Amino acid sequence: MTAFTLDEHRELSREMRLTTRRLRTLCELAVNVYGPQSRLAFSFQRAIEDIERLNQDLKTQATQDGFPGNDLYV
């Protein structure tokens, strides 16, 4: 089994930041249109929580791969 390189972790980190930012923007839009109690708002919030959990797992993996996970993933 091979690990991600530092460059691969950096690229993935950039993509995850962009994805998280975009998902938060879309969530805000959905809440503004359908309200905070809507099923859509709930689903967006769950998706954001899952992305945050994925980022934490990526941070842990980067550390296990010998890279500064805290500097790569937020």
PDB file of N, CA and C in Angstrom:
ATOM      1  N   MET A   1       0.839  -1.164   0.000  1.00  0.00           N
ATOM      2  CA  MET A   1       0.000   0.000   0.000  1.00  0.00           C
ATOM      3  C   MET A   1       0.894   1.240   0.000  1.00  0.00           C
ATOM      4  N   THR A   2       0.549   2.231  -0.798  1.00  0.00           N
ATOM      5  CA  THR A   2       1.314   3.465  -0.841  1.00  0.00           C
ATOM      6  C   THR A   2       0.521   4.592  -0.195  1.00  0.00           C
ATOM      7  N   ALA A   3       1.205   5.639   0.174  1.00  0.00           N
ATOM      8  CA  ALA A   3       0.571   6.794   0.804  1.00  0.00           C
ATOM      9  C   ALA A   3       0.549   7.954  -0.187  1.00  0.00           C
ATOM     10  N   PHE A   4      -0.280   8.948   0.099  1.00  0.00           N
ATOM     11  CA  PHE A   4      -0.270  10.165  -0.690  1.00  0.00           C
ATOM     12  C   PHE A   4       1.078  10.856  -0.508  1.00  0.00           C
ATOM     13  N   THR A   5       1.534  11.507  -1.546  1.00  0.00           N
ATOM     14  CA  THR A   5       2.717  12.343  -1.437  1.00  0.00           C
ATOM     15  C   THR A   5       2.313  13.671  -0.803  1.00  0.00           C
ATOM     16  N   LEU A   6       3.289  14.467  -0.428  1.00  0.00           N
ATOM     17  CA  LEU A   6       2.996  15.784   0.127  1.00  0.00           C
ATOM     18  C   LEU A   6       2.236  16.634  -0.895  1.00  0.00           C
ATOM     19  N   ASP A   7       2.640  16.579  -2.143  1.00  0.00           N
ATOM     20  CA  ASP A   7       1.941  17.334  -3.188  1.00  0.00           C
ATOM     21  C   ASP A   7       0.489  16.879  -3.340  1.00  0.00           C
ATOM     22  N   GLU A   8       0.258  15.582  -3.246  1.00  0.00           N
ATOM     23  CA  GLU A   8      -1.113  15.070  -3.333  1.00  0.00           C
ATOM     24  C   GLU A   8      -1.945  15.541  -2.140  1.00  0.00           C
ATOM     25  N   HIS A   9      -1.361  15.522  -0.956  1.00  0.00           N
ATOM     26  CA  HIS A   9      -2.075  16.035   0.210  1.00  0.00           C
ATOM     27  C   HIS A   9      -2.396  17.517   0.035  1.00  0.00           C
ATOM     28  N   ARG A  10      -1.438  18.282  -0.481  1.00  0.00           N
ATOM     29  CA  ARG A  10      -1.679  19.719  -0.691  1.00  0.00           C
ATOM     30  C   ARG A  10      -2.815  19.955  -1.674  1.00  0.00           C
ATOM     31  N   GLU A  11      -2.803  19.222  -2.773  1.00  0.00           N
ATOM     32  CA  GLU A  11      -3.863  19.364  -3.775  1.00  0.00           C
ATOM     33  C   GLU A  11      -5.218  18.972  -3.191  1.00  0.00           C
ATOM     34  N   LEU A  12      -5.257  17.864  -2.497  1.00  0.00           N
ATOM     35  CA  LEU A  12      -6.510  17.413  -1.881  1.00  0.00           C
ATOM     36  C   LEU A  12      -6.995  18.425  -0.857  1.00  0.00           C
ATOM     37  N   SER A  13      -6.074  18.985  -0.091  1.00  0.00           N
ATOM     38  CA  SER A  13      -6.420  19.994   0.893  1.00  0.00           C
ATOM     39  C   SER A  13      -7.057  21.214   0.228  1.00  0.00           C
ATOM     40  N   ARG A  14      -6.470  21.676  -0.865  1.00  0.00           N
ATOM     41  CA  ARG A  14      -7.036  22.821  -1.607  1.00  0.00           C
ATOM     42  C   ARG A  14      -8.444  22.503  -2.091  1.00  0.00           C
ATOM     43  N   GLU A  15      -8.612  21.323  -2.658  1.00  0.00           N
ATOM     44  CA  GLU A  15      -9.925  20.923  -3.169  1.00  0.00           C
ATOM     45  C   GLU A  15     -10.959  20.821  -2.046  1.00  0.00           C
ATOM     46  N   MET A  16     -10.537  20.309  -0.911  1.00  0.00           N
ATOM     47  CA  MET A  16     -11.458  20.182   0.225  1.00  0.00           C
ATOM     48  C   MET A  16     -11.867  21.559   0.747  1.00  0.00           C
ATOM     49  N   ARG A  17     -10.922  22.504   0.792  1.00  0.00           N
ATOM     50  CA  ARG A  17     -11.264  23.866   1.235  1.00  0.00           C
ATOM     51  C   ARG A  17     -12.272  24.493   0.285  1.00  0.00           C
ATOM     52  N   LEU A  18     -12.055  24.340  -1.022  1.00  0.00           N
ATOM     53  CA  LEU A  18     -12.985  24.890  -2.002  1.00  0.00           C
ATOM     54  C   LEU A  18     -14.361  24.235  -1.896  1.00  0.00           C
ATOM     55  N   THR A  19     -14.373  22.939  -1.732  1.00  0.00           N
ATOM     56  CA  THR A  19     -15.637  22.206  -1.611  1.00  0.00           C
ATOM     57  C   THR A  19     -16.389  22.628  -0.365  1.00  0.00           C
ATOM     58  N   THR A  20     -15.679  22.746   0.752  1.00  0.00           N
ATOM     59  CA  THR A  20     -16.314  23.148   2.008  1.00  0.00           C
ATOM     60  C   THR A  20     -16.899  24.547   1.880  1.00  0.00           C
ATOM     61  N   ARG A  21     -16.125  25.462   1.313  1.00  0.00           N
ATOM     62  CA  ARG A  21     -16.590  26.834   1.135  1.00  0.00           C
ATOM     63  C   ARG A  21     -17.844  26.874   0.256  1.00  0.00           C
ATOM     64  N   ARG A  22     -17.822  26.134  -0.837  1.00  0.00           N
ATOM     65  CA  ARG A  22     -18.967  26.113  -1.767  1.00  0.00           C
ATOM     66  C   ARG A  22     -20.196  25.499  -1.101  1.00  0.00           C
ATOM     67  N   LEU A  23     -20.004  24.434  -0.359  1.00  0.00           N
ATOM     68  CA  LEU A  23     -21.117  23.773   0.319  1.00  0.00           C
ATOM     69  C   LEU A  23     -21.756  24.706   1.349  1.00  0.00           C
ATOM     70  N   ARG A  24     -20.934  25.453   2.075  1.00  0.00           N
ATOM     71  CA  ARG A  24     -21.462  26.419   3.050  1.00  0.00           C
ATOM     72  C   ARG A  24     -22.263  27.523   2.353  1.00  0.00           C
ATOM     73  N   THR A  25     -21.779  27.979   1.206  1.00  0.00           N
ATOM     74  CA  THR A  25     -22.504  28.999   0.442  1.00  0.00           C
ATOM     75  C   THR A  25     -23.860  28.473  -0.014  1.00  0.00           C
ATOM     76  N   LEU A  26     -23.871  27.257  -0.525  1.00  0.00           N
ATOM     77  CA  LEU A  26     -25.132  26.656  -0.973  1.00  0.00           C
ATOM     78  C   LEU A  26     -26.084  26.418   0.190  1.00  0.00           C
ATOM     79  N   CYS A  27     -25.544  26.029   1.340  1.00  0.00           N
ATOM     80  CA  CYS A  27     -26.361  25.831   2.535  1.00  0.00           C
ATOM     81  C   CYS A  27     -27.018  27.145   2.940  1.00  0.00           C
ATOM     82  N   GLU A  28     -26.244  28.205   2.941  1.00  0.00           N
ATOM     83  CA  GLU A  28     -26.779  29.518   3.308  1.00  0.00           C
ATOM     84  C   GLU A  28     -27.907  29.917   2.362  1.00  0.00           C
ATOM     85  N   LEU A  29     -27.720  29.671   1.078  1.00  0.00           N
ATOM     86  CA  LEU A  29     -28.754  29.969   0.098  1.00  0.00           C
ATOM     87  C   LEU A  29     -30.019  29.166   0.389  1.00  0.00           C
ATOM     88  N   ALA A  30     -29.859  27.888   0.632  1.00  0.00           N
ATOM     89  CA  ALA A  30     -31.019  27.028   0.911  1.00  0.00           C
ATOM     90  C   ALA A  30     -31.749  27.480   2.173  1.00  0.00           C
ATOM     91  N   VAL A  31     -31.015  27.856   3.200  1.00  0.00           N
ATOM     92  CA  VAL A  31     -31.636  28.326   4.445  1.00  0.00           C
ATOM     93  C   VAL A  31     -32.392  29.627   4.198  1.00  0.00           C
ATOM     94  N   ASN A  32     -31.802  30.529   3.398  1.00  0.00           N
ATOM     95  CA  ASN A  32     -32.474  31.793   3.099  1.00  0.00           C
ATOM     96  C   ASN A  32     -33.759  31.590   2.311  1.00  0.00           C
ATOM     97  N   VAL A  33     -33.772  30.609   1.435  1.00  0.00           N
ATOM     98  CA  VAL A  33     -34.948  30.376   0.593  1.00  0.00           C
ATOM     99  C   VAL A  33     -35.993  29.517   1.298  1.00  0.00           C
ATOM    100  N   TYR A  34     -35.567  28.419   1.924  1.00  0.00           N
ATOM    101  CA  TYR A  34     -36.520  27.454   2.472  1.00  0.00           C
ATOM    102  C   TYR A  34     -36.638  27.480   3.985  1.00  0.00           C
ATOM    103  N   GLY A  35     -35.763  28.225   4.651  1.00  0.00           N
ATOM    104  CA  GLY A  35     -35.827  28.335   6.097  1.00  0.00           C
ATOM    105  C   GLY A  35     -34.930  27.324   6.794  1.00  0.00           C
ATOM    106  N   PRO A  36     -34.544  27.652   8.027  1.00  0.00           N
ATOM    107  CA  PRO A  36     -33.611  26.802   8.765  1.00  0.00           C
ATOM    108  C   PRO A  36     -34.208  25.475   9.229  1.00  0.00           C
ATOM    109  N   GLN A  37     -35.518  25.372   9.229  1.00  0.00           N
ATOM    110  CA  GLN A  37     -36.164  24.136   9.672  1.00  0.00           C
ATOM    111  C   GLN A  37     -36.525  23.198   8.523  1.00  0.00           C
ATOM    112  N   SER A  38     -36.138  23.570   7.308  1.00  0.00           N
ATOM    113  CA  SER A  38     -36.479  22.747   6.143  1.00  0.00           C
ATOM    114  C   SER A  38     -35.631  21.482   6.083  1.00  0.00           C
ATOM    115  N   ARG A  39     -36.156  20.503   5.425  1.00  0.00           N
ATOM    116  CA  ARG A  39     -35.429  19.254   5.212  1.00  0.00           C
ATOM    117  C   ARG A  39     -34.144  19.516   4.433  1.00  0.00           C
ATOM    118  N   LEU A  40     -34.213  20.436   3.478  1.00  0.00           N
ATOM    119  CA  LEU A  40     -33.040  20.770   2.667  1.00  0.00           C
ATOM    120  C   LEU A  40     -31.934  21.372   3.531  1.00  0.00           C
ATOM    121  N   ALA A  41     -32.291  22.277   4.427  1.00  0.00           N
ATOM    122  CA  ALA A  41     -31.298  22.874   5.328  1.00  0.00           C
ATOM    123  C   ALA A  41     -30.673  21.794   6.204  1.00  0.00           C
ATOM    124  N   PHE A  42     -31.495  20.881   6.686  1.00  0.00           N
ATOM    125  CA  PHE A  42     -30.998  19.778   7.514  1.00  0.00           C
ATOM    126  C   PHE A  42     -30.000  18.925   6.732  1.00  0.00           C
ATOM    127  N   SER A  43     -30.339  18.614   5.493  1.00  0.00           N
ATOM    128  CA  SER A  43     -29.453  17.780   4.668  1.00  0.00           C
ATOM    129  C   SER A  43     -28.134  18.488   4.372  1.00  0.00           C
ATOM    130  N   PHE A  44     -28.201  19.774   4.100  1.00  0.00           N
ATOM    131  CA  PHE A  44     -26.968  20.529   3.888  1.00  0.00           C
ATOM    132  C   PHE A  44     -26.104  20.514   5.139  1.00  0.00           C
ATOM    133  N   GLN A  45     -26.726  20.699   6.301  1.00  0.00           N
ATOM    134  CA  GLN A  45     -25.964  20.699   7.543  1.00  0.00           C
ATOM    135  C   GLN A  45     -25.291  19.349   7.766  1.00  0.00           C
ATOM    136  N   ARG A  46     -26.009  18.288   7.480  1.00  0.00           N
ATOM    137  CA  ARG A  46     -25.414  16.942   7.606  1.00  0.00           C
ATOM    138  C   ARG A  46     -24.242  16.780   6.648  1.00  0.00           C
ATOM    139  N   ALA A  47     -24.379  17.269   5.429  1.00  0.00           N
ATOM    140  CA  ALA A  47     -23.297  17.178   4.452  1.00  0.00           C
ATOM    141  C   ALA A  47     -22.070  17.952   4.937  1.00  0.00           C
ATOM    142  N   ILE A  48     -22.289  19.117   5.515  1.00  0.00           N
ATOM    143  CA  ILE A  48     -21.175  19.913   6.049  1.00  0.00           C
ATOM    144  C   ILE A  48     -20.493  19.164   7.190  1.00  0.00           C
ATOM    145  N   GLU A  49     -21.274  18.558   8.063  1.00  0.00           N
ATOM    146  CA  GLU A  49     -20.690  17.775   9.165  1.00  0.00           C
ATOM    147  C   GLU A  49     -19.867  16.609   8.623  1.00  0.00           C
ATOM    148  N   ASP A  50     -20.366  15.962   7.574  1.00  0.00           N
ATOM    149  CA  ASP A  50     -19.625  14.846   6.977  1.00  0.00           C
ATOM    150  C   ASP A  50     -18.316  15.318   6.341  1.00  0.00           C
ATOM    151  N   ILE A  51     -18.344  16.463   5.678  1.00  0.00           N
ATOM    152  CA  ILE A  51     -17.128  17.026   5.081  1.00  0.00           C
ATOM    153  C   ILE A  51     -16.125  17.368   6.179  1.00  0.00           C
ATOM    154  N   GLU A  52     -16.606  17.936   7.294  1.00  0.00           N
ATOM    155  CA  GLU A  52     -15.714  18.256   8.412  1.00  0.00           C
ATOM    156  C   GLU A  52     -15.081  16.990   8.992  1.00  0.00           C
ATOM    157  N   ARG A  53     -15.863  15.928   9.078  1.00  0.00           N
ATOM    158  CA  ARG A  53     -15.346  14.646   9.569  1.00  0.00           C
ATOM    159  C   ARG A  53     -14.299  14.089   8.593  1.00  0.00           C
ATOM    160  N   LEU A  54     -14.571  14.207   7.308  1.00  0.00           N
ATOM    161  CA  LEU A  54     -13.621  13.766   6.294  1.00  0.00           C
ATOM    162  C   LEU A  54     -12.321  14.568   6.390  1.00  0.00           C
ATOM    163  N   ASN A  55     -12.428  15.871   6.578  1.00  0.00           N
ATOM    164  CA  ASN A  55     -11.231  16.697   6.747  1.00  0.00           C
ATOM    165  C   ASN A  55     -10.417  16.256   7.954  1.00  0.00           C
ATOM    166  N   GLN A  56     -11.097  15.925   9.045  1.00  0.00           N
ATOM    167  CA  GLN A  56     -10.393  15.457  10.239  1.00  0.00           C
ATOM    168  C   GLN A  56      -9.667  14.139   9.939  1.00  0.00           C
ATOM    169  N   ASP A  57     -10.321  13.247   9.226  1.00  0.00           N
ATOM    170  CA  ASP A  57      -9.691  11.978   8.863  1.00  0.00           C
ATOM    171  C   ASP A  57      -8.504  12.194   7.927  1.00  0.00           C
ATOM    172  N   LEU A  58      -8.626  13.133   7.006  1.00  0.00           N
ATOM    173  CA  LEU A  58      -7.516  13.448   6.111  1.00  0.00           C
ATOM    174  C   LEU A  58      -6.346  14.052   6.886  1.00  0.00           C
ATOM    175  N   LYS A  59      -6.642  14.881   7.866  1.00  0.00           N
ATOM    176  CA  LYS A  59      -5.602  15.469   8.710  1.00  0.00           C
ATOM    177  C   LYS A  59      -4.858  14.369   9.462  1.00  0.00           C
ATOM    178  N   THR A  60      -5.619  13.422  10.010  1.00  0.00           N
ATOM    179  CA  THR A  60      -5.012  12.301  10.727  1.00  0.00           C
ATOM    180  C   THR A  60      -4.149  11.466   9.788  1.00  0.00           C
ATOM    181  N   GLN A  61      -4.657  11.211   8.600  1.00  0.00           N
ATOM    182  CA  GLN A  61      -3.904  10.409   7.634  1.00  0.00           C
ATOM    183  C   GLN A  61      -2.630  11.116   7.212  1.00  0.00           C
ATOM    184  N   ALA A  62      -2.701  12.423   6.979  1.00  0.00           N
ATOM    185  CA  ALA A  62      -1.499  13.172   6.598  1.00  0.00           C
ATOM    186  C   ALA A  62      -0.436  13.062   7.685  1.00  0.00           C
ATOM    187  N   THR A  63      -0.863  13.146   8.938  1.00  0.00           N
ATOM    188  CA  THR A  63       0.074  13.014  10.051  1.00  0.00           C
ATOM    189  C   THR A  63       0.693  11.622  10.059  1.00  0.00           C
ATOM    190  N   GLN A  64      -0.119  10.600   9.834  1.00  0.00           N
ATOM    191  CA  GLN A  64       0.397   9.230   9.783  1.00  0.00           C
ATOM    192  C   GLN A  64       1.341   9.045   8.605  1.00  0.00           C
ATOM    193  N   ASP A  65       1.127   9.824   7.546  1.00  0.00           N
ATOM    194  CA  ASP A  65       2.004   9.749   6.371  1.00  0.00           C
ATOM    195  C   ASP A  65       3.291  10.547   6.574  1.00  0.00           C
ATOM    196  N   GLY A  66       3.410  11.210   7.733  1.00  0.00           N
ATOM    197  CA  GLY A  66       4.630  11.941   8.047  1.00  0.00           C
ATOM    198  C   GLY A  66       4.620  13.407   7.668  1.00  0.00           C
ATOM    199  N   PHE A  67       3.427  13.966   7.425  1.00  0.00           N
ATOM    200  CA  PHE A  67       3.309  15.364   7.031  1.00  0.00           C
ATOM    201  C   PHE A  67       2.554  16.144   8.114  1.00  0.00           C
ATOM    202  N   PRO A  68       2.689  17.462   8.120  1.00  0.00           N
ATOM    203  CA  PRO A  68       2.005  18.280   9.141  1.00  0.00           C
ATOM    204  C   PRO A  68       0.505  18.418   8.821  1.00  0.00           C
ATOM    205  N   GLY A  69      -0.276  17.475   9.301  1.00  0.00           N
ATOM    206  CA  GLY A  69      -1.708  17.458   9.016  1.00  0.00           C
ATOM    207  C   GLY A  69      -2.426  18.735   9.395  1.00  0.00           C
ATOM    208  N   ASN A  70      -2.035  19.335  10.519  1.00  0.00           N
ATOM    209  CA  ASN A  70      -2.692  20.576  10.948  1.00  0.00           C
ATOM    210  C   ASN A  70      -2.441  21.728  10.001  1.00  0.00           C
ATOM    211  N   ASP A  71      -1.338  21.684   9.286  1.00  0.00           N
ATOM    212  CA  ASP A  71      -1.036  22.740   8.317  1.00  0.00           C
ATOM    213  C   ASP A  71      -1.733  22.512   6.981  1.00  0.00           C
ATOM    214  N   LEU A  72      -2.138  21.289   6.735  1.00  0.00           N
ATOM    215  CA  LEU A  72      -2.731  20.969   5.429  1.00  0.00           C
ATOM    216  C   LEU A  72      -4.253  21.055   5.428  1.00  0.00           C
ATOM    217  N   TYR A  73      -4.877  20.458   6.417  1.00  0.00           N
ATOM    218  CA  TYR A  73      -6.339  20.346   6.417  1.00  0.00           C
ATOM    219  C   TYR A  73      -6.926  21.171   7.564  1.00  0.00           C
ATOM    220  N   VAL A  74      -8.006  21.854   7.255  1.00  0.00           N
ATOM    221  CA  VAL A  74      -8.665  22.680   8.274  1.00  0.00           C
ATOM    222  C   VAL A  74     -10.008  22.095   8.639  1.00  0.00           C
TER     223      VAL A  74
END
